[in-house]
Amino acid sequence: MNGLDSPSRSGLYKDVWFWLMLGLGPLTSWALFQLMGGTKVSGLPLEQWKNLMWLVLLFPVIEEWLFRGLLQRQLLKTRFGCPTVFGLSGANGITSIVFATAHLLSQPSEWVALVIVPSLIFGWFRDRYESILPSVILHSSYNLGYFFIFGLLV
């Protein structure tokens, strides 16, 4: 497999695109942090480590199950969910808009726009593997990079 073919679920860990996207989230968080002139956050208190675990483990599972496991899967069954543009399904696009909009509850509006791209990536892998497992792994990685680099905002 060259990384571009439609892989089986068991081929996830051999998928070049998966590994590239896995590193992209934390790398992007680091780059944004540097562009914003951020300073290194010193050690996290125990309570913040607990919060980080929620944000990195539990929330990605819940969000991916809800948005890509339920919503995107249902949208793929509709006539406007299947057409693709640049390899992205209509279901993925709609789900990503809903996903980003849901983040308005906890993020400033200018940051919500940055949620669209990772959401499209998560959705692409959901469609590619017909599973939310790749999306959960990627989402967890992206959250880990974001919250570890920027610090906990909770």
C-alpha atoms as a PDB file:
ATOM      1  CA  MET A   1       0.000   0.000   0.000  1.00  0.00           C
ATOM      2  CA  ASN A   2       1.363   3.427  -0.897  1.00  0.00           C
ATOM      3  CA  GLY A   3      -0.716   5.394   1.620  1.00  0.00           C
ATOM      4  CA  LEU A   4      -3.144   6.677  -1.031  1.00  0.00           C
ATOM      5  CA  ASP A   5      -5.174   3.530  -1.611  1.00  0.00           C
ATOM      6  CA  SER A   6      -8.315   2.899   0.414  1.00  0.00           C
ATOM      7  CA  PRO A   7      -6.906   0.877   3.308  1.00  0.00           C
ATOM      8  CA  SER A   8      -8.473  -1.718   5.526  1.00  0.00           C
ATOM      9  CA  ARG A   9      -8.909  -0.985   9.220  1.00  0.00           C
ATOM     10  CA  SER A  10      -5.987  -3.261  10.031  1.00  0.00           C
ATOM     11  CA  GLY A  11      -3.737  -1.123   7.802  1.00  0.00           C
ATOM     12  CA  LEU A  12      -4.164   2.043   9.860  1.00  0.00           C
ATOM     13  CA  TYR A  13      -0.719   1.852  11.415  1.00  0.00           C
ATOM     14  CA  LYS A  14       0.886   1.394   7.976  1.00  0.00           C
ATOM     15  CA  ASP A  15      -0.934   4.405   6.531  1.00  0.00           C
ATOM     16  CA  VAL A  16       1.513   7.200   5.704  1.00  0.00           C
ATOM     17  CA  TRP A  17      -1.283   9.778   5.769  1.00  0.00           C
ATOM     18  CA  PHE A  18      -2.283   8.729   9.280  1.00  0.00           C
ATOM     19  CA  TRP A  19       1.254   9.242  10.621  1.00  0.00           C
ATOM     20  CA  LEU A  20       1.601  12.587   8.852  1.00  0.00           C
ATOM     21  CA  MET A  21      -1.686  13.824  10.291  1.00  0.00           C
ATOM     22  CA  LEU A  22      -0.842  12.437  13.741  1.00  0.00           C
ATOM     23  CA  GLY A  23       2.198  14.707  13.908  1.00  0.00           C
ATOM     24  CA  LEU A  24       0.500  17.673  12.252  1.00  0.00           C
ATOM     25  CA  GLY A  25      -1.769  18.576  15.180  1.00  0.00           C
ATOM     26  CA  PRO A  26       0.858  18.996  17.887  1.00  0.00           C
ATOM     27  CA  LEU A  27       3.256  20.596  15.400  1.00  0.00           C
ATOM     28  CA  THR A  28       0.613  23.135  14.383  1.00  0.00           C
ATOM     29  CA  SER A  29      -0.140  23.920  18.038  1.00  0.00           C
ATOM     30  CA  TRP A  30       3.553  24.517  18.673  1.00  0.00           C
ATOM     31  CA  ALA A  31       3.841  26.761  15.583  1.00  0.00           C
ATOM     32  CA  LEU A  32       0.788  28.834  16.596  1.00  0.00           C
ATOM     33  CA  PHE A  33       2.162  29.140  20.113  1.00  0.00           C
ATOM     34  CA  GLN A  34       5.468  30.439  18.737  1.00  0.00           C
ATOM     35  CA  LEU A  35       3.733  32.877  16.364  1.00  0.00           C
ATOM     36  CA  MET A  36       1.735  34.260  19.277  1.00  0.00           C
ATOM     37  CA  GLY A  37       4.913  34.833  21.294  1.00  0.00           C
ATOM     38  CA  GLY A  38       3.923  32.351  23.996  1.00  0.00           C
ATOM     39  CA  THR A  39       6.105  31.435  26.906  1.00  0.00           C
ATOM     40  CA  LYS A  40       6.708  27.959  28.262  1.00  0.00           C
ATOM     41  CA  VAL A  41       4.216  26.860  30.889  1.00  0.00           C
ATOM     42  CA  SER A  42       5.901  25.503  33.984  1.00  0.00           C
ATOM     43  CA  GLY A  43       4.770  22.254  35.613  1.00  0.00           C
ATOM     44  CA  LEU A  44       1.078  21.503  35.874  1.00  0.00           C
ATOM     45  CA  PRO A  45      -0.543  21.001  39.286  1.00  0.00           C
ATOM     46  CA  LEU A  46      -2.173  17.609  39.872  1.00  0.00           C
ATOM     47  CA  GLU A  47      -5.679  18.979  39.264  1.00  0.00           C
ATOM     48  CA  GLN A  48      -4.635  20.267  35.843  1.00  0.00           C
ATOM     49  CA  TRP A  49      -3.145  16.871  34.958  1.00  0.00           C
ATOM     50  CA  LYS A  50      -6.552  15.355  35.742  1.00  0.00           C
ATOM     51  CA  ASN A  51      -8.210  17.930  33.485  1.00  0.00           C
ATOM     52  CA  LEU A  52      -5.665  17.198  30.754  1.00  0.00           C
ATOM     53  CA  MET A  53      -6.565  13.500  30.894  1.00  0.00           C
ATOM     54  CA  TRP A  54     -10.253  14.364  30.458  1.00  0.00           C
ATOM     55  CA  LEU A  55      -9.436  16.609  27.504  1.00  0.00           C
ATOM     56  CA  VAL A  56      -7.097  14.094  25.877  1.00  0.00           C
ATOM     57  CA  LEU A  57      -8.862  10.811  26.567  1.00  0.00           C
ATOM     58  CA  LEU A  58     -12.541  11.179  27.394  1.00  0.00           C
ATOM     59  CA  PHE A  59     -13.648  14.195  25.367  1.00  0.00           C
ATOM     60  CA  PRO A  60     -12.202  12.966  22.045  1.00  0.00           C
ATOM     61  CA  VAL A  61     -13.980   9.621  22.457  1.00  0.00           C
ATOM     62  CA  ILE A  62     -17.316  11.296  23.227  1.00  0.00           C
ATOM     63  CA  GLU A  63     -16.991  13.932  20.493  1.00  0.00           C
ATOM     64  CA  GLU A  64     -15.858  11.474  17.829  1.00  0.00           C
ATOM     65  CA  TRP A  65     -18.627   9.018  18.712  1.00  0.00           C
ATOM     66  CA  LEU A  66     -21.217  11.797  18.565  1.00  0.00           C
ATOM     67  CA  PHE A  67     -20.025  13.749  15.531  1.00  0.00           C
ATOM     68  CA  ARG A  68     -18.367  11.165  13.299  1.00  0.00           C
ATOM     69  CA  GLY A  69     -19.843   7.953  14.685  1.00  0.00           C
ATOM     70  CA  LEU A  70     -23.453   9.144  14.659  1.00  0.00           C
ATOM     71  CA  LEU A  71     -23.880  12.381  12.681  1.00  0.00           C
ATOM     72  CA  GLN A  72     -21.388  11.820   9.864  1.00  0.00           C
ATOM     73  CA  ARG A  73     -22.412   8.180   9.436  1.00  0.00           C
ATOM     74  CA  GLN A  74     -26.078   9.207   9.110  1.00  0.00           C
ATOM     75  CA  LEU A  75     -25.270  12.046   6.718  1.00  0.00           C
ATOM     76  CA  LEU A  76     -23.336   9.632   4.483  1.00  0.00           C
ATOM     77  CA  LYS A  77     -26.655   7.852   3.861  1.00  0.00           C
ATOM     78  CA  THR A  78     -28.218  11.007   2.408  1.00  0.00           C
ATOM     79  CA  ARG A  79     -27.955  12.330  -1.135  1.00  0.00           C
ATOM     80  CA  PHE A  80     -25.965  15.405  -0.084  1.00  0.00           C
ATOM     81  CA  GLY A  81     -23.662  13.460   2.233  1.00  0.00           C
ATOM     82  CA  CYS A  82     -21.917  11.336  -0.389  1.00  0.00           C
ATOM     83  CA  PRO A  83     -20.618  13.751  -3.019  1.00  0.00           C
ATOM     84  CA  THR A  84     -16.959  14.537  -2.533  1.00  0.00           C
ATOM     85  CA  VAL A  85     -14.842  17.606  -3.187  1.00  0.00           C
ATOM     86  CA  PHE A  86     -11.082  17.053  -3.065  1.00  0.00           C
ATOM     87  CA  GLY A  87     -11.748  13.664  -1.454  1.00  0.00           C
ATOM     88  CA  LEU A  88     -13.882  15.112   1.356  1.00  0.00           C
ATOM     89  CA  SER A  89     -17.458  13.908   1.646  1.00  0.00           C
ATOM     90  CA  GLY A  90     -20.377  16.277   1.993  1.00  0.00           C
ATOM     91  CA  ALA A  91     -21.166  14.480   5.252  1.00  0.00           C
ATOM     92  CA  ASN A  92     -17.691  15.367   6.496  1.00  0.00           C
ATOM     93  CA  GLY A  93     -18.147  19.022   5.549  1.00  0.00           C
ATOM     94  CA  ILE A  94     -21.509  19.328   7.283  1.00  0.00           C
ATOM     95  CA  THR A  95     -20.264  17.460  10.347  1.00  0.00           C
ATOM     96  CA  SER A  96     -17.202  19.712  10.529  1.00  0.00           C
ATOM     97  CA  ILE A  97     -19.348  22.850  10.466  1.00  0.00           C
ATOM     98  CA  VAL A  98     -21.544  21.461  13.268  1.00  0.00           C
ATOM     99  CA  PHE A  99     -18.432  20.344  15.196  1.00  0.00           C
ATOM    100  CA  ALA A 100     -16.815  23.792  14.927  1.00  0.00           C
ATOM    101  CA  THR A 101     -20.061  25.517  15.863  1.00  0.00           C
ATOM    102  CA  ALA A 102     -20.357  23.329  18.973  1.00  0.00           C
ATOM    103  CA  HIS A 103     -16.924  24.601  20.040  1.00  0.00           C
ATOM    104  CA  LEU A 104     -18.365  28.117  20.327  1.00  0.00           C
ATOM    105  CA  LEU A 105     -19.554  26.986  23.767  1.00  0.00           C
ATOM    106  CA  SER A 106     -15.982  26.705  25.038  1.00  0.00           C
ATOM    107  CA  GLN A 107     -13.713  28.581  22.595  1.00  0.00           C
ATOM    108  CA  PRO A 108     -13.459  32.164  21.365  1.00  0.00           C
ATOM    109  CA  SER A 109     -14.957  32.572  17.897  1.00  0.00           C
ATOM    110  CA  GLU A 110     -11.578  33.240  16.248  1.00  0.00           C
ATOM    111  CA  TRP A 111     -10.289  29.878  17.525  1.00  0.00           C
ATOM    112  CA  VAL A 112     -13.386  28.036  16.343  1.00  0.00           C
ATOM    113  CA  ALA A 113     -12.390  28.712  12.737  1.00  0.00           C
ATOM    114  CA  LEU A 114      -9.186  26.757  13.437  1.00  0.00           C
ATOM    115  CA  VAL A 115     -11.267  23.728  14.477  1.00  0.00           C
ATOM    116  CA  ILE A 116     -12.596  23.225  10.920  1.00  0.00           C
ATOM    117  CA  VAL A 117      -9.349  21.885   9.415  1.00  0.00           C
ATOM    118  CA  PRO A 118      -8.679  19.238  12.092  1.00  0.00           C
ATOM    119  CA  SER A 119     -12.341  18.263  11.939  1.00  0.00           C
ATOM    120  CA  LEU A 120     -12.106  17.704   8.181  1.00  0.00           C
ATOM    121  CA  ILE A 121      -9.004  15.573   8.779  1.00  0.00           C
ATOM    122  CA  PHE A 122     -10.779  13.512  11.453  1.00  0.00           C
ATOM    123  CA  GLY A 123     -13.768  13.077   9.138  1.00  0.00           C
ATOM    124  CA  TRP A 124     -11.595  12.065   6.194  1.00  0.00           C
ATOM    125  CA  PHE A 125     -10.092   9.266   8.263  1.00  0.00           C
ATOM    126  CA  ARG A 126     -13.563   8.253   9.486  1.00  0.00           C
ATOM    127  CA  ASP A 127     -14.674   7.902   5.865  1.00  0.00           C
ATOM    128  CA  ARG A 128     -11.412   6.241   4.807  1.00  0.00           C
ATOM    129  CA  TYR A 129     -11.574   3.521   7.468  1.00  0.00           C
ATOM    130  CA  GLU A 130     -15.338   3.433   8.120  1.00  0.00           C
ATOM    131  CA  SER A 131     -14.415   3.644  11.792  1.00  0.00           C
ATOM    132  CA  ILE A 132     -14.008   6.353  14.402  1.00  0.00           C
ATOM    133  CA  LEU A 133     -10.838   4.766  15.845  1.00  0.00           C
ATOM    134  CA  PRO A 134      -8.441   6.803  13.644  1.00  0.00           C
ATOM    135  CA  SER A 135     -10.429   9.949  14.436  1.00  0.00           C
ATOM    136  CA  VAL A 136     -10.269   9.296  18.174  1.00  0.00           C
ATOM    137  CA  ILE A 137      -6.500   8.740  18.054  1.00  0.00           C
ATOM    138  CA  LEU A 138      -5.926  11.876  15.968  1.00  0.00           C
ATOM    139  CA  HIS A 139      -8.293  13.980  18.074  1.00  0.00           C
ATOM    140  CA  SER A 140      -6.536  12.856  21.266  1.00  0.00           C
ATOM    141  CA  SER A 141      -3.150  13.707  19.768  1.00  0.00           C
ATOM    142  CA  TYR A 142      -4.321  17.136  18.629  1.00  0.00           C
ATOM    143  CA  ASN A 143      -5.866  17.896  22.032  1.00  0.00           C
ATOM    144  CA  LEU A 144      -2.697  16.752  23.798  1.00  0.00           C
ATOM    145  CA  GLY A 145      -0.576  19.044  21.652  1.00  0.00           C
ATOM    146  CA  TYR A 146      -2.906  22.007  22.016  1.00  0.00           C
ATOM    147  CA  PHE A 147      -3.532  21.816  25.754  1.00  0.00           C
ATOM    148  CA  PHE A 148       0.009  20.833  26.693  1.00  0.00           C
ATOM    149  CA  ILE A 149       1.567  23.616  24.633  1.00  0.00           C
ATOM    150  CA  PHE A 150      -0.960  26.394  25.322  1.00  0.00           C
ATOM    151  CA  GLY A 151      -1.745  25.309  28.868  1.00  0.00           C
ATOM    152  CA  LEU A 152      -5.091  24.351  30.227  1.00  0.00           C
ATOM    153  CA  LEU A 153      -7.791  26.917  29.680  1.00  0.00           C
ATOM    154  CA  VAL A 154     -10.238  25.351  32.101  1.00  0.00           C
END
